[in-house]
């Protein structure tokens, strides 16, 4: 007589006289099913890592930004101190960010803003930036205004509406005058003719 107990990954068959015997699941072998024949079956690599079978064990090829046996360790991109000029490095996932001290800017705090104020692209709405003695000016389009071309232009505030209004009113007045003259030219002979016909009829 014997009974069977299931223990992952081993099926232990208990007998009265003989020792326990393991009937291993697929992928395992050994007296106690302790040998993993294909270590990648359990998908041990995290973060999208690729598992490769090597003798008795596995090896993970990790994506950028991750390391460790199972790709579970976030690589510290700040370890190499990428931020120049006393910039503070913040570790991100597969990236880093530098918090720069004035007057430095850029990905690694390598740009001197004083020497090139346009390096930080201060002009908005596709305006052209011009460096001038440690400062900058922006050439705005007709729609925007302000130091960085970030404000919508108020045409009424600059009285530009009046500049357009006067020629329009003059044009309308001329059209009305021409229309009045045309009516007079057409109406006067017709009225005279109607009077003449009325005289003959009487």
N, C-alpha and C. Protein backbone atom coordinates (compact mmCIF):
# COMPACT_ATOMS: atom_id res chain seq x y z
N UNK A 1 0.85 -1.20 0.00
CA UNK A 1 0.00 0.00 0.00
C UNK A 1 0.89 1.25 0.00
N UNK A 2 0.45 2.25 -0.73
CA UNK A 2 1.17 3.53 -0.72
C UNK A 2 0.16 4.63 -1.01
N UNK A 3 0.57 5.87 -0.66
CA UNK A 3 -0.28 7.01 -0.97
C UNK A 3 0.57 8.06 -1.68
N UNK A 4 -0.09 8.92 -2.40
CA UNK A 4 0.62 9.92 -3.20
C UNK A 4 0.33 11.32 -2.67
N UNK A 5 1.37 12.12 -2.46
CA UNK A 5 1.23 13.51 -2.07
C UNK A 5 1.89 14.38 -3.13
N UNK A 6 1.16 15.41 -3.56
CA UNK A 6 1.68 16.30 -4.62
C UNK A 6 2.34 17.52 -4.00
N UNK A 7 3.63 17.71 -4.27
CA UNK A 7 4.38 18.88 -3.82
C UNK A 7 5.08 19.47 -5.04
N UNK A 8 4.77 20.72 -5.37
CA UNK A 8 5.40 21.34 -6.53
C UNK A 8 6.88 21.53 -6.27
N UNK A 9 7.74 21.17 -7.24
CA UNK A 9 7.39 20.47 -8.49
C UNK A 9 7.49 18.95 -8.37
N UNK A 10 7.48 18.45 -7.16
CA UNK A 10 7.71 17.02 -6.96
C UNK A 10 6.43 16.30 -6.56
N UNK A 11 6.21 15.12 -7.14
CA UNK A 11 5.12 14.23 -6.72
C UNK A 11 5.76 13.14 -5.87
N UNK A 12 5.54 13.21 -4.56
CA UNK A 12 6.17 12.26 -3.64
C UNK A 12 5.27 11.03 -3.45
N UNK A 13 5.82 9.90 -3.78
CA UNK A 13 5.10 8.65 -3.61
C UNK A 13 5.61 7.99 -2.32
N UNK A 14 4.82 8.00 -1.30
CA UNK A 14 5.23 7.46 0.00
C UNK A 14 4.90 5.96 0.09
N UNK A 15 5.91 5.18 0.42
CA UNK A 15 5.73 3.74 0.60
C UNK A 15 6.05 3.38 2.04
N UNK A 16 5.66 2.21 2.44
CA UNK A 16 5.88 1.79 3.83
C UNK A 16 7.32 1.41 4.10
N UNK A 17 7.98 0.83 3.08
CA UNK A 17 9.31 0.27 3.31
C UNK A 17 10.38 1.12 2.64
N UNK A 18 10.20 1.37 1.34
CA UNK A 18 11.23 2.07 0.58
C UNK A 18 11.18 3.55 0.89
N UNK A 19 12.25 4.23 0.47
CA UNK A 19 12.33 5.67 0.69
C UNK A 19 11.40 6.41 -0.28
N UNK A 20 11.20 7.70 0.05
CA UNK A 20 10.36 8.52 -0.84
C UNK A 20 10.99 8.61 -2.22
N UNK A 21 10.11 8.72 -3.19
CA UNK A 21 10.55 8.81 -4.58
C UNK A 21 9.81 9.96 -5.25
N UNK A 22 10.53 10.83 -5.96
CA UNK A 22 9.93 11.99 -6.62
C UNK A 22 9.70 11.70 -8.10
N UNK A 23 8.46 11.92 -8.53
CA UNK A 23 8.14 11.91 -9.96
C UNK A 23 8.07 13.37 -10.39
N UNK A 24 9.12 13.86 -11.06
CA UNK A 24 9.27 15.30 -11.34
C UNK A 24 8.38 15.77 -12.49
N UNK A 25 7.99 17.03 -12.39
CA UNK A 25 7.26 17.67 -13.49
C UNK A 25 8.21 17.95 -14.64
N UNK A 26 7.60 18.29 -15.78
CA UNK A 26 8.40 18.58 -16.98
C UNK A 26 9.30 19.80 -16.72
N UNK A 27 10.57 19.65 -17.05
CA UNK A 27 11.52 20.74 -16.88
C UNK A 27 12.37 20.60 -15.63
N UNK A 28 12.08 19.61 -14.78
CA UNK A 28 12.83 19.40 -13.54
C UNK A 28 13.34 17.96 -13.50
N UNK A 29 14.45 17.76 -12.81
CA UNK A 29 15.01 16.41 -12.65
C UNK A 29 15.79 16.37 -11.34
N UNK A 30 16.37 15.20 -11.05
CA UNK A 30 17.11 15.03 -9.81
C UNK A 30 16.30 14.25 -8.79
N UNK A 31 16.97 13.80 -7.73
CA UNK A 31 16.31 13.00 -6.70
C UNK A 31 15.14 13.74 -6.07
N UNK A 32 15.34 15.02 -5.84
CA UNK A 32 14.27 15.83 -5.24
C UNK A 32 13.75 16.89 -6.22
N UNK A 33 13.93 16.64 -7.52
CA UNK A 33 13.50 17.58 -8.56
C UNK A 33 14.14 18.95 -8.35
N UNK A 34 15.39 18.94 -7.90
CA UNK A 34 16.06 20.20 -7.60
C UNK A 34 16.82 20.76 -8.79
N UNK A 35 16.92 19.98 -9.87
CA UNK A 35 17.65 20.43 -11.06
C UNK A 35 16.65 21.00 -12.06
N UNK A 36 16.89 22.24 -12.43
CA UNK A 36 16.03 22.90 -13.42
C UNK A 36 16.65 22.69 -14.79
N UNK A 37 15.96 21.90 -15.61
CA UNK A 37 16.48 21.60 -16.93
C UNK A 37 16.38 22.80 -17.85
N UNK A 38 15.35 23.62 -17.71
CA UNK A 38 15.19 24.84 -18.51
C UNK A 38 14.78 25.97 -17.58
N UNK A 39 15.77 26.71 -17.14
CA UNK A 39 15.53 27.75 -16.13
C UNK A 39 14.66 28.89 -16.66
N UNK A 40 14.55 29.03 -17.97
CA UNK A 40 13.77 30.13 -18.53
C UNK A 40 12.27 29.84 -18.54
N UNK A 41 11.88 28.64 -18.16
CA UNK A 41 10.46 28.29 -18.18
C UNK A 41 9.64 29.14 -17.22
N UNK A 42 10.26 29.57 -16.15
CA UNK A 42 9.54 30.37 -15.15
C UNK A 42 9.56 31.87 -15.46
N UNK A 43 10.14 32.25 -16.61
CA UNK A 43 10.22 33.66 -17.04
C UNK A 43 10.79 34.54 -15.93
N UNK A 44 12.03 34.30 -15.56
CA UNK A 44 12.60 35.00 -14.40
C UNK A 44 13.02 36.45 -14.68
N UNK A 45 13.18 36.81 -15.94
CA UNK A 45 13.69 38.14 -16.27
C UNK A 45 12.58 39.18 -16.25
N UNK A 46 12.75 40.21 -15.42
CA UNK A 46 11.75 41.27 -15.30
C UNK A 46 12.05 42.41 -16.29
N UNK A 47 11.13 43.39 -16.32
CA UNK A 47 11.29 44.61 -17.10
C UNK A 47 11.55 44.36 -18.58
N UNK A 48 10.99 43.25 -19.10
CA UNK A 48 11.16 42.97 -20.51
C UNK A 48 12.51 42.37 -20.88
N UNK A 49 13.24 41.87 -19.86
CA UNK A 49 14.54 41.25 -20.14
C UNK A 49 14.39 39.93 -20.87
N UNK A 50 15.41 39.57 -21.64
CA UNK A 50 15.41 38.34 -22.43
C UNK A 50 16.19 37.26 -21.70
N UNK A 51 15.56 36.09 -21.52
CA UNK A 51 16.18 34.99 -20.80
C UNK A 51 16.92 34.07 -21.78
N UNK A 52 18.15 33.70 -21.39
CA UNK A 52 18.95 32.77 -22.19
C UNK A 52 19.39 31.61 -21.30
N UNK A 53 19.20 30.41 -21.81
CA UNK A 53 19.54 29.21 -21.04
C UNK A 53 21.02 28.95 -21.10
N UNK A 54 21.61 28.76 -19.93
CA UNK A 54 23.01 28.35 -19.82
C UNK A 54 23.02 27.12 -18.92
N UNK A 55 24.10 26.34 -18.88
CA UNK A 55 24.10 25.08 -18.11
C UNK A 55 23.62 25.25 -16.67
N UNK A 56 22.50 24.61 -16.36
CA UNK A 56 21.90 24.52 -15.02
C UNK A 56 21.30 25.82 -14.51
N UNK A 57 21.58 26.93 -15.17
CA UNK A 57 21.05 28.21 -14.69
C UNK A 57 20.52 29.01 -15.89
N UNK A 58 20.29 30.30 -15.68
CA UNK A 58 19.82 31.17 -16.76
C UNK A 58 20.58 32.49 -16.70
N UNK A 59 20.50 33.23 -17.75
CA UNK A 59 21.13 34.53 -17.81
C UNK A 59 20.18 35.52 -18.47
N UNK A 60 19.98 36.68 -17.83
CA UNK A 60 19.05 37.70 -18.35
C UNK A 60 19.83 38.79 -19.07
N UNK A 61 19.38 39.09 -20.28
CA UNK A 61 19.90 40.25 -20.99
C UNK A 61 18.90 41.38 -20.75
N UNK A 62 19.30 42.35 -19.94
CA UNK A 62 18.38 43.39 -19.47
C UNK A 62 18.28 44.56 -20.46
N UNK A 63 17.12 45.22 -20.50
CA UNK A 63 16.99 46.43 -21.32
C UNK A 63 17.75 47.58 -20.69
N UNK A 64 17.92 48.65 -21.45
CA UNK A 64 18.66 49.81 -20.96
C UNK A 64 18.01 50.37 -19.71
N UNK A 65 18.84 50.67 -18.73
CA UNK A 65 18.34 51.24 -17.49
C UNK A 65 18.12 50.24 -16.39
N UNK A 66 18.26 48.94 -16.70
CA UNK A 66 18.03 47.90 -15.69
C UNK A 66 19.20 46.92 -15.67
N UNK A 67 19.45 46.36 -14.48
CA UNK A 67 20.56 45.41 -14.33
C UNK A 67 20.20 44.42 -13.23
N UNK A 68 21.16 43.54 -12.88
CA UNK A 68 20.91 42.52 -11.88
C UNK A 68 20.63 41.17 -12.50
N UNK A 69 20.58 40.14 -11.67
CA UNK A 69 20.37 38.77 -12.15
C UNK A 69 19.04 38.63 -12.88
N UNK A 70 18.01 39.31 -12.38
CA UNK A 70 16.68 39.21 -13.00
C UNK A 70 16.21 40.56 -13.53
N UNK A 71 17.13 41.47 -13.79
CA UNK A 71 16.81 42.81 -14.32
C UNK A 71 15.89 43.59 -13.38
N UNK A 72 16.05 43.40 -12.10
CA UNK A 72 15.18 44.06 -11.12
C UNK A 72 15.81 45.30 -10.52
N UNK A 73 17.07 45.58 -10.86
CA UNK A 73 17.77 46.72 -10.26
C UNK A 73 17.77 47.89 -11.25
N UNK A 74 17.27 49.02 -10.80
CA UNK A 74 17.25 50.23 -11.62
C UNK A 74 18.66 50.82 -11.64
N UNK A 75 19.22 50.90 -12.85
CA UNK A 75 20.57 51.45 -12.98
C UNK A 75 20.59 52.91 -12.57
N UNK A 76 21.56 53.29 -11.79
CA UNK A 76 21.68 54.68 -11.33
C UNK A 76 22.47 55.48 -12.36
N UNK A 77 21.74 56.24 -13.20
CA UNK A 77 22.40 57.03 -14.23
C UNK A 77 23.18 58.21 -13.63
N UNK A 78 22.92 58.53 -12.37
CA UNK A 78 23.63 59.63 -11.72
C UNK A 78 24.98 59.19 -11.15
N UNK A 79 25.26 57.88 -11.21
CA UNK A 79 26.49 57.35 -10.61
C UNK A 79 27.73 57.93 -11.26
N UNK A 80 27.63 58.26 -12.53
CA UNK A 80 28.78 58.80 -13.26
C UNK A 80 28.90 60.32 -13.12
N UNK A 81 28.03 60.93 -12.30
CA UNK A 81 28.04 62.39 -12.07
C UNK A 81 28.02 63.17 -13.38
N UNK A 82 26.92 63.04 -14.15
CA UNK A 82 26.87 63.68 -15.47
C UNK A 82 26.64 65.19 -15.42
N UNK A 83 26.15 65.72 -14.29
CA UNK A 83 25.80 67.14 -14.21
C UNK A 83 27.04 67.98 -13.88
N UNK A 84 27.35 68.92 -14.77
CA UNK A 84 28.52 69.77 -14.58
C UNK A 84 28.17 71.01 -13.75
N UNK A 85 29.19 71.74 -13.35
CA UNK A 85 29.08 73.02 -12.65
C UNK A 85 28.15 72.94 -11.44
N UNK A 86 28.38 71.93 -10.62
CA UNK A 86 27.65 71.74 -9.35
C UNK A 86 26.15 71.52 -9.53
N UNK A 87 25.77 71.01 -10.69
CA UNK A 87 24.36 70.69 -10.91
C UNK A 87 23.94 69.47 -10.11
N UNK A 88 22.68 69.42 -9.70
CA UNK A 88 22.16 68.29 -8.92
C UNK A 88 21.51 67.28 -9.85
N UNK A 89 21.91 66.01 -9.73
CA UNK A 89 21.41 64.96 -10.62
C UNK A 89 20.25 64.22 -9.97
N UNK A 90 19.20 64.01 -10.76
CA UNK A 90 18.04 63.23 -10.33
C UNK A 90 17.93 61.99 -11.20
N UNK A 91 17.98 60.82 -10.58
CA UNK A 91 17.93 59.56 -11.32
C UNK A 91 16.50 59.26 -11.76
N UNK A 92 16.33 58.98 -13.06
CA UNK A 92 15.04 58.61 -13.63
C UNK A 92 15.16 57.20 -14.21
N UNK A 93 14.05 56.67 -14.72
CA UNK A 93 14.08 55.35 -15.34
C UNK A 93 14.74 55.43 -16.70
N UNK A 94 15.94 54.86 -16.80
CA UNK A 94 16.73 54.87 -18.02
C UNK A 94 17.05 56.30 -18.47
N UNK A 95 17.17 57.21 -17.52
CA UNK A 95 17.47 58.61 -17.86
C UNK A 95 17.86 59.35 -16.58
N UNK A 96 18.23 60.60 -16.73
CA UNK A 96 18.55 61.44 -15.58
C UNK A 96 18.18 62.88 -15.92
N UNK A 97 18.06 63.68 -14.88
CA UNK A 97 17.74 65.09 -15.06
C UNK A 97 18.66 65.92 -14.17
N UNK A 98 19.22 66.98 -14.77
CA UNK A 98 20.12 67.86 -14.01
C UNK A 98 19.39 69.14 -13.62
N UNK A 99 19.44 69.47 -12.34
CA UNK A 99 18.92 70.75 -11.85
C UNK A 99 20.12 71.69 -11.76
N UNK A 100 20.17 72.64 -12.67
CA UNK A 100 21.35 73.48 -12.83
C UNK A 100 21.27 74.74 -11.98
N UNK A 101 22.44 75.22 -11.58
CA UNK A 101 22.56 76.49 -10.87
C UNK A 101 22.82 77.60 -11.87
N UNK A 102 22.24 78.80 -11.66
CA UNK A 102 22.48 79.93 -12.58
C UNK A 102 23.98 80.22 -12.66
N UNK A 103 24.49 80.59 -13.83
CA UNK A 103 23.76 80.82 -15.09
C UNK A 103 23.82 79.64 -16.04
N UNK A 104 23.89 78.42 -15.51
CA UNK A 104 24.08 77.24 -16.36
C UNK A 104 22.75 76.60 -16.72
N UNK A 105 22.74 75.98 -17.91
CA UNK A 105 21.53 75.33 -18.41
C UNK A 105 21.93 74.17 -19.31
N UNK A 106 20.94 73.46 -19.87
CA UNK A 106 21.21 72.34 -20.76
C UNK A 106 21.04 71.00 -20.08
N UNK A 107 21.18 69.93 -20.85
CA UNK A 107 21.00 68.57 -20.35
C UNK A 107 21.93 68.26 -19.20
N UNK A 108 23.19 68.71 -19.30
CA UNK A 108 24.18 68.42 -18.26
C UNK A 108 24.76 69.71 -17.68
N UNK A 109 23.97 70.80 -17.74
CA UNK A 109 24.41 72.10 -17.19
C UNK A 109 25.68 72.58 -17.87
N UNK A 110 25.79 72.36 -19.17
CA UNK A 110 27.01 72.69 -19.89
C UNK A 110 26.90 74.03 -20.64
N UNK A 111 25.72 74.66 -20.65
CA UNK A 111 25.52 75.89 -21.43
C UNK A 111 25.50 77.10 -20.49
N UNK A 112 26.34 78.08 -20.80
CA UNK A 112 26.36 79.33 -20.04
C UNK A 112 25.31 80.26 -20.62
N UNK A 113 24.24 80.48 -19.89
CA UNK A 113 23.13 81.30 -20.39
C UNK A 113 23.56 82.74 -20.62
N UNK A 114 24.52 83.23 -19.81
CA UNK A 114 24.97 84.61 -19.98
C UNK A 114 25.67 84.82 -21.31
N UNK A 115 26.44 83.84 -21.74
CA UNK A 115 27.16 83.97 -23.00
C UNK A 115 26.25 83.77 -24.20
N UNK A 116 25.19 83.02 -24.04
CA UNK A 116 24.24 82.79 -25.13
C UNK A 116 22.83 82.70 -24.56
N UNK A 117 22.16 83.84 -24.36
CA UNK A 117 20.81 83.82 -23.78
C UNK A 117 19.79 83.07 -24.62
N UNK A 118 20.06 82.93 -25.91
CA UNK A 118 19.11 82.23 -26.78
C UNK A 118 19.22 80.72 -26.69
N UNK A 119 20.21 80.23 -25.94
CA UNK A 119 20.43 78.78 -25.86
C UNK A 119 19.28 78.06 -25.17
N UNK A 120 18.52 78.78 -24.34
CA UNK A 120 17.39 78.16 -23.64
C UNK A 120 16.09 78.30 -24.41
N UNK A 121 16.16 78.83 -25.63
CA UNK A 121 14.97 79.03 -26.48
C UNK A 121 13.87 79.80 -25.74
N UNK A 122 14.17 81.03 -25.31
CA UNK A 122 13.17 81.78 -24.53
C UNK A 122 12.00 82.31 -25.36
N UNK A 123 12.20 82.48 -26.64
CA UNK A 123 11.14 83.04 -27.50
C UNK A 123 10.10 81.98 -27.82
N UNK A 124 8.85 82.34 -27.62
CA UNK A 124 7.75 81.40 -27.83
C UNK A 124 7.05 81.66 -29.16
N UNK A 125 6.16 80.73 -29.50
CA UNK A 125 5.32 80.85 -30.70
C UNK A 125 6.15 81.06 -31.97
N UNK A 126 7.26 80.28 -32.06
CA UNK A 126 8.11 80.24 -33.24
C UNK A 126 8.77 81.59 -33.56
N UNK A 127 8.95 82.43 -32.54
CA UNK A 127 9.61 83.71 -32.74
C UNK A 127 11.12 83.53 -32.86
N UNK A 128 11.78 84.44 -33.55
CA UNK A 128 13.22 84.38 -33.75
C UNK A 128 13.93 85.07 -32.59
N UNK A 129 14.96 84.40 -32.04
CA UNK A 129 15.71 84.93 -30.90
C UNK A 129 17.02 85.55 -31.37
N UNK A 130 17.38 86.72 -30.78
CA UNK A 130 18.62 87.40 -31.12
C UNK A 130 19.37 87.73 -29.83
N UNK A 131 20.63 87.29 -29.72
CA UNK A 131 21.47 87.57 -28.55
C UNK A 131 22.06 88.97 -28.67
N UNK A 132 22.00 89.72 -27.55
CA UNK A 132 22.53 91.08 -27.55
C UNK A 132 23.16 91.39 -26.20
N UNK A 133 24.49 91.32 -26.12
CA UNK A 133 25.23 91.73 -24.92
C UNK A 133 24.69 91.10 -23.64
N UNK A 134 24.58 89.77 -23.60
CA UNK A 134 24.10 89.09 -22.41
C UNK A 134 22.61 89.07 -22.26
N UNK A 135 21.90 89.66 -23.20
CA UNK A 135 20.43 89.66 -23.16
C UNK A 135 19.92 89.14 -24.50
N UNK A 136 18.62 89.10 -24.67
CA UNK A 136 18.05 88.62 -25.93
C UNK A 136 16.82 89.45 -26.29
N UNK A 137 16.51 89.45 -27.56
CA UNK A 137 15.27 90.05 -28.06
C UNK A 137 14.58 89.04 -28.97
N UNK A 138 13.27 89.09 -28.99
CA UNK A 138 12.49 88.17 -29.81
C UNK A 138 11.77 88.93 -30.92
N UNK A 139 11.88 88.43 -32.13
CA UNK A 139 11.15 89.01 -33.25
C UNK A 139 9.81 88.29 -33.37
N UNK A 140 8.75 88.96 -32.93
CA UNK A 140 7.42 88.33 -32.88
C UNK A 140 6.70 88.45 -34.22
N UNK A 141 5.76 87.56 -34.43
CA UNK A 141 4.89 87.67 -35.59
C UNK A 141 3.85 88.76 -35.33
N UNK A 142 2.99 89.02 -36.31
CA UNK A 142 1.98 90.06 -36.16
C UNK A 142 0.93 89.73 -35.10
N UNK A 143 0.84 88.46 -34.72
CA UNK A 143 -0.21 88.03 -33.80
C UNK A 143 0.21 88.17 -32.33
N UNK A 144 1.55 88.09 -32.06
CA UNK A 144 2.02 88.06 -30.67
C UNK A 144 2.89 89.27 -30.36
N UNK A 145 3.05 89.53 -29.04
CA UNK A 145 3.88 90.63 -28.57
C UNK A 145 4.48 90.25 -27.21
N UNK A 146 5.28 91.14 -26.63
CA UNK A 146 5.89 90.88 -25.33
C UNK A 146 7.35 90.48 -25.46
N UNK A 147 8.03 90.40 -24.30
CA UNK A 147 9.45 90.07 -24.26
C UNK A 147 9.74 88.75 -24.93
N UNK A 148 8.89 87.74 -24.70
CA UNK A 148 9.11 86.40 -25.27
C UNK A 148 8.04 86.03 -26.29
N UNK A 149 7.29 87.02 -26.76
CA UNK A 149 6.23 86.78 -27.77
C UNK A 149 5.18 85.79 -27.26
N UNK A 150 4.86 85.92 -26.00
CA UNK A 150 3.89 85.00 -25.40
C UNK A 150 2.49 85.61 -25.25
N UNK A 151 2.36 86.91 -25.54
CA UNK A 151 1.07 87.59 -25.36
C UNK A 151 0.43 87.87 -26.71
N UNK A 152 -0.88 87.64 -26.77
CA UNK A 152 -1.60 87.96 -27.99
C UNK A 152 -1.67 89.47 -28.17
N UNK A 153 -1.47 89.95 -29.38
CA UNK A 153 -1.47 91.38 -29.65
C UNK A 153 -2.90 91.95 -29.57
N UNK A 154 -3.05 93.07 -28.87
CA UNK A 154 -4.35 93.75 -28.75
C UNK A 154 -4.35 94.92 -29.74
N UNK A 155 -4.99 94.72 -30.88
CA UNK A 155 -4.97 95.74 -31.92
C UNK A 155 -5.71 97.01 -31.50
N UNK A 156 -6.76 96.86 -30.69
CA UNK A 156 -7.51 98.03 -30.26
C UNK A 156 -6.69 98.90 -29.31
N UNK A 157 -5.83 98.25 -28.50
CA UNK A 157 -5.00 99.01 -27.56
C UNK A 157 -3.98 99.86 -28.29
N UNK A 158 -3.50 99.41 -29.44
CA UNK A 158 -2.51 100.15 -30.22
C UNK A 158 -3.15 101.07 -31.24
N UNK A 159 -4.49 101.19 -31.20
CA UNK A 159 -5.24 102.07 -32.12
C UNK A 159 -5.07 101.68 -33.58
N UNK A 160 -4.66 100.44 -33.81
CA UNK A 160 -4.51 100.00 -35.19
C UNK A 160 -5.86 99.81 -35.86
N UNK A 161 -6.90 99.57 -35.02
CA UNK A 161 -8.24 99.45 -35.61
C UNK A 161 -8.65 100.75 -36.26
N UNK A 162 -8.30 101.90 -35.62
CA UNK A 162 -8.67 103.20 -36.18
C UNK A 162 -7.95 103.45 -37.49
N UNK A 163 -6.70 102.99 -37.55
CA UNK A 163 -5.95 103.17 -38.79
C UNK A 163 -6.61 102.44 -39.95
N UNK A 164 -7.24 101.32 -39.66
CA UNK A 164 -7.95 100.59 -40.71
C UNK A 164 -9.35 101.14 -40.93
N UNK A 165 -9.95 101.72 -39.88
CA UNK A 165 -11.35 102.14 -39.95
C UNK A 165 -11.54 103.34 -40.86
N UNK A 166 -10.63 104.33 -40.80
CA UNK A 166 -10.78 105.56 -41.58
C UNK A 166 -10.79 105.27 -43.08
N UNK A 167 -9.84 104.50 -43.61
CA UNK A 167 -9.90 104.21 -45.06
C UNK A 167 -11.17 103.44 -45.45
N UNK A 168 -11.63 102.57 -44.56
CA UNK A 168 -12.84 101.81 -44.87
C UNK A 168 -14.04 102.75 -44.97
N UNK A 169 -14.16 103.69 -44.02
CA UNK A 169 -15.28 104.63 -44.04
C UNK A 169 -15.23 105.52 -45.29
N UNK A 170 -14.04 105.96 -45.65
CA UNK A 170 -13.88 106.77 -46.87
C UNK A 170 -14.32 106.00 -48.10
N UNK A 171 -13.93 104.72 -48.13
CA UNK A 171 -14.29 103.87 -49.27
C UNK A 171 -15.81 103.69 -49.36
N UNK A 172 -16.43 103.43 -48.20
CA UNK A 172 -17.89 103.26 -48.17
C UNK A 172 -18.59 104.53 -48.63
N UNK A 173 -18.09 105.69 -48.16
CA UNK A 173 -18.69 106.98 -48.53
C UNK A 173 -18.62 107.21 -50.04
N UNK A 174 -17.47 106.86 -50.62
CA UNK A 174 -17.31 107.03 -52.07
C UNK A 174 -18.26 106.14 -52.84
N UNK A 175 -18.43 104.91 -52.35
CA UNK A 175 -19.35 103.98 -53.03
C UNK A 175 -20.77 104.51 -52.98
N UNK A 176 -21.15 105.06 -51.81
CA UNK A 176 -22.50 105.62 -51.68
C UNK A 176 -22.69 106.82 -52.60
N UNK A 177 -21.64 107.66 -52.71
CA UNK A 177 -21.72 108.82 -53.61
C UNK A 177 -21.89 108.40 -55.06
N UNK A 178 -21.12 107.39 -55.45
CA UNK A 178 -21.23 106.90 -56.82
C UNK A 178 -22.61 106.32 -57.09
N UNK A 179 -23.14 105.61 -56.08
CA UNK A 179 -24.47 105.06 -56.24
C UNK A 179 -25.51 106.15 -56.36
N UNK A 180 -25.35 107.24 -55.58
CA UNK A 180 -26.28 108.35 -55.64
C UNK A 180 -26.23 109.04 -56.99
N UNK A 181 -25.00 109.22 -57.50
CA UNK A 181 -24.86 109.85 -58.83
C UNK A 181 -25.50 108.99 -59.90
N UNK A 182 -25.30 107.69 -59.81
CA UNK A 182 -25.89 106.79 -60.81
C UNK A 182 -27.41 106.86 -60.79
N UNK A 183 -27.98 106.93 -59.60
CA UNK A 183 -29.44 107.02 -59.48
C UNK A 183 -29.94 108.33 -60.07
N UNK A 184 -29.20 109.42 -59.78
CA UNK A 184 -29.61 110.74 -60.31
C UNK A 184 -29.55 110.78 -61.83
N UNK A 185 -28.47 110.19 -62.38
CA UNK A 185 -28.32 110.17 -63.84
C UNK A 185 -29.45 109.39 -64.49
N UNK A 186 -29.84 108.30 -63.84
CA UNK A 186 -30.93 107.48 -64.40
C UNK A 186 -32.30 108.09 -64.14
N UNK A 187 -32.47 108.70 -62.97
CA UNK A 187 -33.80 109.15 -62.56
C UNK A 187 -34.20 110.46 -63.22
N UNK A 188 -33.27 111.42 -63.43
CA UNK A 188 -33.62 112.75 -63.98
C UNK A 188 -34.19 112.67 -65.38
N UNK A 189 -33.55 111.99 -66.35
CA UNK A 189 -34.16 111.89 -67.70
C UNK A 189 -35.50 111.14 -67.68
N UNK A 190 -35.60 110.15 -66.87
CA UNK A 190 -36.85 109.40 -66.83
C UNK A 190 -37.99 110.28 -66.31
N UNK A 191 -37.71 111.09 -65.30
CA UNK A 191 -38.73 111.97 -64.73
C UNK A 191 -39.16 113.02 -65.75
N UNK A 192 -38.17 113.55 -66.49
CA UNK A 192 -38.47 114.55 -67.52
C UNK A 192 -39.31 113.96 -68.63
N UNK A 193 -38.99 112.73 -69.02
CA UNK A 193 -39.74 112.05 -70.08
C UNK A 193 -41.17 111.78 -69.64
N UNK A 194 -41.32 111.38 -68.36
CA UNK A 194 -42.68 111.11 -67.85
C UNK A 194 -43.53 112.37 -67.85
N UNK A 195 -42.91 113.53 -67.56
CA UNK A 195 -43.66 114.78 -67.57
C UNK A 195 -44.10 115.16 -68.97
N UNK A 196 -43.14 114.94 -69.92
CA UNK A 196 -43.48 115.25 -71.29
C UNK A 196 -44.62 114.39 -71.81
N UNK A 197 -44.60 113.11 -71.49
CA UNK A 197 -45.68 112.23 -71.92
C UNK A 197 -46.99 112.61 -71.25
N UNK A 198 -46.92 113.04 -70.02
CA UNK A 198 -48.13 113.46 -69.31
C UNK A 198 -48.71 114.72 -69.93
N UNK A 199 -47.87 115.65 -70.46
CA UNK A 199 -48.34 116.88 -71.11
C UNK A 199 -49.02 116.61 -72.43
N UNK A 200 -48.45 115.69 -73.19
CA UNK A 200 -49.05 115.35 -74.47
C UNK A 200 -50.39 114.66 -74.28
N UNK A 201 -50.49 113.86 -73.25
CA UNK A 201 -51.74 113.14 -73.01
C UNK A 201 -52.87 114.10 -72.64
N UNK A 202 -52.53 115.22 -71.98
CA UNK A 202 -53.58 116.14 -71.58
C UNK A 202 -54.01 117.02 -72.75
